Amino acid sequence: MIVKLLVFPAVFLAVAMIVGVTGEPVLYLVLCGAMPTAMNGYVLAKQMGGDADLYATVTTLQTLMSFATIPLALLVAGQFAGG
């Protein structure tokens, strides 16, 4: 969960800075990286005999944690976005 919610946005921010992206597009990229896992994987896990309960639990926890990590990621990205 930590990788998805904290490392992905940091990687997206680093790549944006390396490539030279500035302004609002940086915030958009970081926001995309900070989003929790989609729930549609639950349907696949259920239909294909995977551990759907585990998937639902992890996705729910990620979604709850993202209420704190998304604003944090955007706050940090805003410091680097420039403009």
PDB file of N, CA and C in Angstrom:
ATOM      1  N   MET A   1       0.812  -1.190   0.000  1.00  0.00           N
ATOM      2  CA  MET A   1       0.000   0.000   0.000  1.00  0.00           C
ATOM      3  C   MET A   1       0.862   1.263   0.000  1.00  0.00           C
ATOM      4  N   ILE A   2       1.942   1.219   0.754  1.00  0.00           N
ATOM      5  CA  ILE A   2       2.816   2.392   0.822  1.00  0.00           C
ATOM      6  C   ILE A   2       3.404   2.694  -0.551  1.00  0.00           C
ATOM      7  N   VAL A   3       3.758   1.638  -1.270  1.00  0.00           N
ATOM      8  CA  VAL A   3       4.337   1.851  -2.599  1.00  0.00           C
ATOM      9  C   VAL A   3       3.333   2.556  -3.496  1.00  0.00           C
ATOM     10  N   LYS A   4       2.115   2.088  -3.506  1.00  0.00           N
ATOM     11  CA  LYS A   4       1.101   2.655  -4.391  1.00  0.00           C
ATOM     12  C   LYS A   4       0.762   4.093  -4.011  1.00  0.00           C
ATOM     13  N   LEU A   5       0.659   4.372  -2.739  1.00  0.00           N
ATOM     14  CA  LEU A   5       0.172   5.685  -2.315  1.00  0.00           C
ATOM     15  C   LEU A   5       1.263   6.737  -2.121  1.00  0.00           C
ATOM     16  N   LEU A   6       2.495   6.316  -1.885  1.00  0.00           N
ATOM     17  CA  LEU A   6       3.556   7.301  -1.652  1.00  0.00           C
ATOM     18  C   LEU A   6       4.685   7.234  -2.672  1.00  0.00           C
ATOM     19  N   VAL A   7       5.092   6.028  -3.046  1.00  0.00           N
ATOM     20  CA  VAL A   7       6.223   5.905  -3.961  1.00  0.00           C
ATOM     21  C   VAL A   7       5.822   6.267  -5.388  1.00  0.00           C
ATOM     22  N   PHE A   8       4.672   5.809  -5.862  1.00  0.00           N
ATOM     23  CA  PHE A   8       4.231   6.138  -7.222  1.00  0.00           C
ATOM     24  C   PHE A   8       4.158   7.647  -7.452  1.00  0.00           C
ATOM     25  N   PRO A   9       3.507   8.412  -6.563  1.00  0.00           N
ATOM     26  CA  PRO A   9       3.481   9.862  -6.796  1.00  0.00           C
ATOM     27  C   PRO A   9       4.875  10.477  -6.801  1.00  0.00           C
ATOM     28  N   ALA A  10       5.761   9.967  -5.939  1.00  0.00           N
ATOM     29  CA  ALA A  10       7.126  10.490  -5.902  1.00  0.00           C
ATOM     30  C   ALA A  10       7.874  10.185  -7.198  1.00  0.00           C
ATOM     31  N   VAL A  11       7.670   8.985  -7.732  1.00  0.00           N
ATOM     32  CA  VAL A  11       8.303   8.619  -9.001  1.00  0.00           C
ATOM     33  C   VAL A  11       7.750   9.479 -10.132  1.00  0.00           C
ATOM     34  N   PHE A  12       6.436   9.662 -10.166  1.00  0.00           N
ATOM     35  CA  PHE A  12       5.823  10.500 -11.195  1.00  0.00           C
ATOM     36  C   PHE A  12       6.366  11.918 -11.121  1.00  0.00           C
ATOM     37  N   LEU A  13       6.522  12.448  -9.895  1.00  0.00           N
ATOM     38  CA  LEU A  13       7.058  13.799  -9.713  1.00  0.00           C
ATOM     39  C   LEU A  13       8.506  13.870 -10.190  1.00  0.00           C
ATOM     40  N   ALA A  14       9.292  12.875  -9.837  1.00  0.00           N
ATOM     41  CA  ALA A  14      10.695  12.863 -10.249  1.00  0.00           C
ATOM     42  C   ALA A  14      10.827  12.807 -11.767  1.00  0.00           C
ATOM     43  N   VAL A  15      10.042  11.961 -12.398  1.00  0.00           N
ATOM     44  CA  VAL A  15      10.094  11.857 -13.862  1.00  0.00           C
ATOM     45  C   VAL A  15       9.654  13.173 -14.500  1.00  0.00           C
ATOM     46  N   ALA A  16       8.606  13.788 -13.954  1.00  0.00           N
ATOM     47  CA  ALA A  16       8.141  15.069 -14.497  1.00  0.00           C
ATOM     48  C   ALA A  16       9.230  16.134 -14.396  1.00  0.00           C
ATOM     49  N   MET A  17       9.931  16.147 -13.280  1.00  0.00           N
ATOM     50  CA  MET A  17      11.001  17.130 -13.100  1.00  0.00           C
ATOM     51  C   MET A  17      12.164  16.853 -14.048  1.00  0.00           C
ATOM     52  N   ILE A  18      12.500  15.586 -14.230  1.00  0.00           N
ATOM     53  CA  ILE A  18      13.601  15.222 -15.128  1.00  0.00           C
ATOM     54  C   ILE A  18      13.276  15.605 -16.571  1.00  0.00           C
ATOM     55  N   VAL A  19      12.032  15.375 -16.970  1.00  0.00           N
ATOM     56  CA  VAL A  19      11.615  15.655 -18.343  1.00  0.00           C
ATOM     57  C   VAL A  19      11.405  17.152 -18.561  1.00  0.00           C
ATOM     58  N   GLY A  20      11.187  17.898 -17.481  1.00  0.00           N
ATOM     59  CA  GLY A  20      11.030  19.340 -17.606  1.00  0.00           C
ATOM     60  C   GLY A  20       9.585  19.815 -17.596  1.00  0.00           C
ATOM     61  N   VAL A  21       8.679  18.990 -17.114  1.00  0.00           N
ATOM     62  CA  VAL A  21       7.269  19.376 -17.027  1.00  0.00           C
ATOM     63  C   VAL A  21       7.123  20.344 -15.851  1.00  0.00           C
ATOM     64  N   THR A  22       6.340  21.409 -16.039  1.00  0.00           N
ATOM     65  CA  THR A  22       6.107  22.381 -14.975  1.00  0.00           C
ATOM     66  C   THR A  22       4.633  22.752 -14.928  1.00  0.00           C
ATOM     67  N   GLY A  23       4.253  23.422 -13.873  1.00  0.00           N
ATOM     68  CA  GLY A  23       2.889  23.928 -13.737  1.00  0.00           C
ATOM     69  C   GLY A  23       1.873  22.865 -13.397  1.00  0.00           C
ATOM     70  N   GLU A  24       0.640  23.101 -13.806  1.00  0.00           N
ATOM     71  CA  GLU A  24      -0.464  22.208 -13.482  1.00  0.00           C
ATOM     72  C   GLU A  24      -0.297  20.783 -13.986  1.00  0.00           C
ATOM     73  N   PRO A  25       0.335  20.554 -15.130  1.00  0.00           N
ATOM     74  CA  PRO A  25       0.533  19.161 -15.552  1.00  0.00           C
ATOM     75  C   PRO A  25       1.291  18.320 -14.525  1.00  0.00           C
ATOM     76  N   VAL A  26       2.185  18.927 -13.760  1.00  0.00           N
ATOM     77  CA  VAL A  26       2.893  18.186 -12.713  1.00  0.00           C
ATOM     78  C   VAL A  26       1.900  17.719 -11.660  1.00  0.00           C
ATOM     79  N   LEU A  27       0.999  18.609 -11.267  1.00  0.00           N
ATOM     80  CA  LEU A  27      -0.010  18.251 -10.269  1.00  0.00           C
ATOM     81  C   LEU A  27      -0.913  17.135 -10.785  1.00  0.00           C
ATOM     82  N   TYR A  28      -1.271  17.212 -12.054  1.00  0.00           N
ATOM     83  CA  TYR A  28      -2.121  16.180 -12.644  1.00  0.00           C
ATOM     84  C   TYR A  28      -1.412  14.829 -12.640  1.00  0.00           C
ATOM     85  N   LEU A  29      -0.140  14.810 -13.010  1.00  0.00           N
ATOM     86  CA  LEU A  29       0.614  13.558 -13.034  1.00  0.00           C
ATOM     87  C   LEU A  29       0.725  12.953 -11.634  1.00  0.00           C
ATOM     88  N   VAL A  30       1.027  13.792 -10.655  1.00  0.00           N
ATOM     89  CA  VAL A  30       1.150  13.306  -9.285  1.00  0.00           C
ATOM     90  C   VAL A  30      -0.199  12.804  -8.776  1.00  0.00           C
ATOM     91  N   LEU A  31      -1.267  13.494  -9.115  1.00  0.00           N
ATOM     92  CA  LEU A  31      -2.594  13.042  -8.717  1.00  0.00           C
ATOM     93  C   LEU A  31      -2.918  11.673  -9.304  1.00  0.00           C
ATOM     94  N   CYS A  32      -2.580  11.474 -10.559  1.00  0.00           N
ATOM     95  CA  CYS A  32      -2.810  10.163 -11.181  1.00  0.00           C
ATOM     96  C   CYS A  32      -2.008   9.068 -10.477  1.00  0.00           C
ATOM     97  N   GLY A  33      -0.789   9.392 -10.090  1.00  0.00           N
ATOM     98  CA  GLY A  33       0.032   8.412  -9.397  1.00  0.00           C
ATOM     99  C   GLY A  33      -0.430   8.132  -7.982  1.00  0.00           C
ATOM    100  N   ALA A  34      -1.126   9.081  -7.368  1.00  0.00           N
ATOM    101  CA  ALA A  34      -1.545   8.943  -5.974  1.00  0.00           C
ATOM    102  C   ALA A  34      -2.907   8.278  -5.791  1.00  0.00           C
ATOM    103  N   MET A  35      -3.598   8.016  -6.880  1.00  0.00           N
ATOM    104  CA  MET A  35      -4.932   7.426  -6.762  1.00  0.00           C
ATOM    105  C   MET A  35      -4.852   5.983  -6.256  1.00  0.00           C
ATOM    106  N   PRO A  36      -5.811   5.570  -5.428  1.00  0.00           N
ATOM    107  CA  PRO A  36      -5.807   4.178  -4.943  1.00  0.00           C
ATOM    108  C   PRO A  36      -6.172   3.203  -6.066  1.00  0.00           C
ATOM    109  N   THR A  37      -5.942   1.934  -5.800  1.00  0.00           N
ATOM    110  CA  THR A  37      -6.235   0.880  -6.758  1.00  0.00           C
ATOM    111  C   THR A  37      -7.725   0.868  -7.104  1.00  0.00           C
ATOM    112  N   ALA A  38      -8.033   0.591  -8.362  1.00  0.00           N
ATOM    113  CA  ALA A  38      -9.431   0.578  -8.816  1.00  0.00           C
ATOM    114  C   ALA A  38     -10.164  -0.674  -8.310  1.00  0.00           C
ATOM    115  N   MET A  39     -11.435  -0.528  -8.072  1.00  0.00           N
ATOM    116  CA  MET A  39     -12.240  -1.650  -7.563  1.00  0.00           C
ATOM    117  C   MET A  39     -12.610  -2.664  -8.635  1.00  0.00           C
ATOM    118  N   ASN A  40     -12.409  -2.340  -9.916  1.00  0.00           N
ATOM    119  CA  ASN A  40     -12.797  -3.295 -10.948  1.00  0.00           C
ATOM    120  C   ASN A  40     -11.969  -4.579 -10.882  1.00  0.00           C
ATOM    121  N   GLY A  41     -10.806  -4.536 -10.245  1.00  0.00           N
ATOM    122  CA  GLY A  41     -10.000  -5.737 -10.052  1.00  0.00           C
ATOM    123  C   GLY A  41     -10.681  -6.734  -9.140  1.00  0.00           C
ATOM    124  N   TYR A  42     -11.560  -6.252  -8.278  1.00  0.00           N
ATOM    125  CA  TYR A  42     -12.320  -7.141  -7.400  1.00  0.00           C
ATOM    126  C   TYR A  42     -13.180  -8.093  -8.217  1.00  0.00           C
ATOM    127  N   VAL A  43     -13.823  -7.557  -9.241  1.00  0.00           N
ATOM    128  CA  VAL A  43     -14.680  -8.379 -10.099  1.00  0.00           C
ATOM    129  C   VAL A  43     -13.844  -9.458 -10.786  1.00  0.00           C
ATOM    130  N   LEU A  44     -12.689  -9.075 -11.284  1.00  0.00           N
ATOM    131  CA  LEU A  44     -11.801 -10.057 -11.922  1.00  0.00           C
ATOM    132  C   LEU A  44     -11.341 -11.115 -10.929  1.00  0.00           C
ATOM    133  N   ALA A  45     -10.942 -10.694  -9.745  1.00  0.00           N
ATOM    134  CA  ALA A  45     -10.494 -11.649  -8.733  1.00  0.00           C
ATOM    135  C   ALA A  45     -11.609 -12.615  -8.369  1.00  0.00           C
ATOM    136  N   LYS A  46     -12.810 -12.107  -8.252  1.00  0.00           N
ATOM    137  CA  LYS A  46     -13.954 -12.950  -7.890  1.00  0.00           C
ATOM    138  C   LYS A  46     -14.262 -13.945  -9.009  1.00  0.00           C
ATOM    139  N   GLN A  47     -14.289 -13.483 -10.246  1.00  0.00           N
ATOM    140  CA  GLN A  47     -14.638 -14.350 -11.375  1.00  0.00           C
ATOM    141  C   GLN A  47     -13.554 -15.373 -11.696  1.00  0.00           C
ATOM    142  N   MET A  48     -12.293 -15.031 -11.416  1.00  0.00           N
ATOM    143  CA  MET A  48     -11.208 -15.918 -11.789  1.00  0.00           C
ATOM    144  C   MET A  48     -10.693 -16.755 -10.617  1.00  0.00           C
ATOM    145  N   GLY A  49     -11.411 -16.727  -9.507  1.00  0.00           N
ATOM    146  CA  GLY A  49     -11.060 -17.576  -8.374  1.00  0.00           C
ATOM    147  C   GLY A  49      -9.925 -17.034  -7.520  1.00  0.00           C
ATOM    148  N   GLY A  50      -9.648 -15.750  -7.630  1.00  0.00           N
ATOM    149  CA  GLY A  50      -8.605 -15.133  -6.814  1.00  0.00           C
ATOM    150  C   GLY A  50      -9.112 -14.814  -5.422  1.00  0.00           C
ATOM    151  N   ASP A  51      -8.283 -14.208  -4.637  1.00  0.00           N
ATOM    152  CA  ASP A  51      -8.652 -13.844  -3.270  1.00  0.00           C
ATOM    153  C   ASP A  51      -9.373 -12.496  -3.282  1.00  0.00           C
ATOM    154  N   ALA A  52     -10.650 -12.532  -3.621  1.00  0.00           N
ATOM    155  CA  ALA A  52     -11.445 -11.317  -3.758  1.00  0.00           C
ATOM    156  C   ALA A  52     -11.589 -10.585  -2.432  1.00  0.00           C
ATOM    157  N   ASP A  53     -11.668 -11.327  -1.334  1.00  0.00           N
ATOM    158  CA  ASP A  53     -11.795 -10.675  -0.028  1.00  0.00           C
ATOM    159  C   ASP A  53     -10.544  -9.873   0.315  1.00  0.00           C
ATOM    160  N   LEU A  54      -9.392 -10.426   0.029  1.00  0.00           N
ATOM    161  CA  LEU A  54      -8.137  -9.700   0.262  1.00  0.00           C
ATOM    162  C   LEU A  54      -8.070  -8.460  -0.620  1.00  0.00           C
ATOM    163  N   TYR A  55      -8.442  -8.612  -1.883  1.00  0.00           N
ATOM    164  CA  TYR A  55      -8.432  -7.480  -2.807  1.00  0.00           C
ATOM    165  C   TYR A  55      -9.349  -6.365  -2.294  1.00  0.00           C
ATOM    166  N   ALA A  56     -10.535  -6.745  -1.836  1.00  0.00           N
ATOM    167  CA  ALA A  56     -11.482  -5.747  -1.331  1.00  0.00           C
ATOM    168  C   ALA A  56     -10.940  -5.050  -0.089  1.00  0.00           C
ATOM    169  N   THR A  57     -10.295  -5.809   0.787  1.00  0.00           N
ATOM    170  CA  THR A  57      -9.734  -5.230   2.004  1.00  0.00           C
ATOM    171  C   THR A  57      -8.609  -4.255   1.687  1.00  0.00           C
ATOM    172  N   VAL A  58      -7.688  -4.669   0.832  1.00  0.00           N
ATOM    173  CA  VAL A  58      -6.562  -3.807   0.479  1.00  0.00           C
ATOM    174  C   VAL A  58      -7.047  -2.550  -0.230  1.00  0.00           C
ATOM    175  N   THR A  59      -7.983  -2.698  -1.138  1.00  0.00           N
ATOM    176  CA  THR A  59      -8.495  -1.538  -1.877  1.00  0.00           C
ATOM    177  C   THR A  59      -9.229  -0.579  -0.953  1.00  0.00           C
ATOM    178  N   THR A  60      -9.989  -1.116  -0.011  1.00  0.00           N
ATOM    179  CA  THR A  60     -10.694  -0.263   0.939  1.00  0.00           C
ATOM    180  C   THR A  60      -9.713   0.505   1.815  1.00  0.00           C
ATOM    181  N   LEU A  61      -8.684  -0.180   2.301  1.00  0.00           N
ATOM    182  CA  LEU A  61      -7.676   0.493   3.119  1.00  0.00           C
ATOM    183  C   LEU A  61      -6.923   1.553   2.325  1.00  0.00           C
ATOM    184  N   GLN A  62      -6.595   1.236   1.077  1.00  0.00           N
ATOM    185  CA  GLN A  62      -5.925   2.233   0.232  1.00  0.00           C
ATOM    186  C   GLN A  62      -6.798   3.460   0.033  1.00  0.00           C
ATOM    187  N   THR A  63      -8.071   3.239  -0.186  1.00  0.00           N
ATOM    188  CA  THR A  63      -8.983   4.357  -0.403  1.00  0.00           C
ATOM    189  C   THR A  63      -9.069   5.228   0.843  1.00  0.00           C
ATOM    190  N   LEU A  64      -9.161   4.605   2.007  1.00  0.00           N
ATOM    191  CA  LEU A  64      -9.211   5.374   3.248  1.00  0.00           C
ATOM    192  C   LEU A  64      -7.906   6.136   3.488  1.00  0.00           C
ATOM    193  N   MET A  65      -6.773   5.485   3.238  1.00  0.00           N
ATOM    194  CA  MET A  65      -5.486   6.142   3.431  1.00  0.00           C
ATOM    195  C   MET A  65      -5.275   7.272   2.427  1.00  0.00           C
ATOM    196  N   SER A  66      -5.878   7.148   1.250  1.00  0.00           N
ATOM    197  CA  SER A  66      -5.676   8.167   0.218  1.00  0.00           C
ATOM    198  C   SER A  66      -6.304   9.509   0.589  1.00  0.00           C
ATOM    199  N   PHE A  67      -7.224   9.512   1.553  1.00  0.00           N
ATOM    200  CA  PHE A  67      -7.784  10.783   2.014  1.00  0.00           C
ATOM    201  C   PHE A  67      -6.701  11.654   2.638  1.00  0.00           C
ATOM    202  N   ALA A  68      -5.644  11.031   3.143  1.00  0.00           N
ATOM    203  CA  ALA A  68      -4.525  11.785   3.704  1.00  0.00           C
ATOM    204  C   ALA A  68      -3.373  11.912   2.713  1.00  0.00           C
ATOM    205  N   THR A  69      -3.116  10.857   1.941  1.00  0.00           N
ATOM    206  CA  THR A  69      -1.924  10.870   1.092  1.00  0.00           C
ATOM    207  C   THR A  69      -2.085  11.707  -0.175  1.00  0.00           C
ATOM    208  N   ILE A  70      -3.283  11.804  -0.722  1.00  0.00           N
ATOM    209  CA  ILE A  70      -3.475  12.612  -1.940  1.00  0.00           C
ATOM    210  C   ILE A  70      -3.217  14.100  -1.663  1.00  0.00           C
ATOM    211  N   PRO A  71      -3.810  14.679  -0.619  1.00  0.00           N
ATOM    212  CA  PRO A  71      -3.484  16.091  -0.354  1.00  0.00           C
ATOM    213  C   PRO A  71      -1.997  16.301  -0.047  1.00  0.00           C
ATOM    214  N   LEU A  72      -1.389  15.339   0.656  1.00  0.00           N
ATOM    215  CA  LEU A  72       0.038  15.442   0.947  1.00  0.00           C
ATOM    216  C   LEU A  72       0.865  15.414  -0.338  1.00  0.00           C
ATOM    217  N   ALA A  73       0.536  14.504  -1.242  1.00  0.00           N
ATOM    218  CA  ALA A  73       1.260  14.404  -2.516  1.00  0.00           C
ATOM    219  C   ALA A  73       1.091  15.675  -3.332  1.00  0.00           C
ATOM    220  N   LEU A  74      -0.109  16.228  -3.359  1.00  0.00           N
ATOM    221  CA  LEU A  74      -0.347  17.456  -4.122  1.00  0.00           C
ATOM    222  C   LEU A  74       0.362  18.654  -3.485  1.00  0.00           C
ATOM    223  N   LEU A  75       0.425  18.671  -2.165  1.00  0.00           N
ATOM    224  CA  LEU A  75       1.132  19.750  -1.471  1.00  0.00           C
ATOM    225  C   LEU A  75       2.621  19.722  -1.815  1.00  0.00           C
ATOM    226  N   VAL A  76       3.200  18.544  -1.778  1.00  0.00           N
ATOM    227  CA  VAL A  76       4.624  18.410  -2.120  1.00  0.00           C
ATOM    228  C   VAL A  76       4.852  18.748  -3.599  1.00  0.00           C
ATOM    229  N   ALA A  77       3.989  18.233  -4.466  1.00  0.00           N
ATOM    230  CA  ALA A  77       4.132  18.501  -5.897  1.00  0.00           C
ATOM    231  C   ALA A  77       3.987  19.984  -6.209  1.00  0.00           C
ATOM    232  N   GLY A  78       3.108  20.658  -5.475  1.00  0.00           N
ATOM    233  CA  GLY A  78       2.919  22.090  -5.669  1.00  0.00           C
ATOM    234  C   GLY A  78       4.183  22.882  -5.408  1.00  0.00           C
ATOM    235  N   GLN A  79       5.031  22.392  -4.515  1.00  0.00           N
ATOM    236  CA  GLN A  79       6.296  23.064  -4.222  1.00  0.00           C
ATOM    237  C   GLN A  79       7.277  22.958  -5.393  1.00  0.00           C
ATOM    238  N   PHE A  80       7.127  21.900  -6.193  1.00  0.00           N
ATOM    239  CA  PHE A  80       8.042  21.680  -7.306  1.00  0.00           C
ATOM    240  C   PHE A  80       7.452  22.075  -8.656  1.00  0.00           C
ATOM    241  N   ALA A  81       6.149  22.337  -8.703  1.00  0.00           N
ATOM    242  CA  ALA A  81       5.482  22.579  -9.986  1.00  0.00           C
ATOM    243  C   ALA A  81       5.976  23.841 -10.668  1.00  0.00           C
ATOM    244  N   GLY A  82       6.286  24.833  -9.898  1.00  0.00           N
ATOM    245  CA  GLY A  82       6.726  26.093 -10.513  1.00  0.00           C
ATOM    246  C   GLY A  82       5.607  26.696 -11.353  1.00  0.00           C
ATOM    247  N   GLY A  83       5.947  27.226 -12.444  1.00  0.00           N
ATOM    248  CA  GLY A  83       4.878  27.749 -13.254  1.00  0.00           C
ATOM    249  C   GLY A  83       5.371  28.727 -14.191  1.00  0.00           C
TER     250      GLY A  83
END
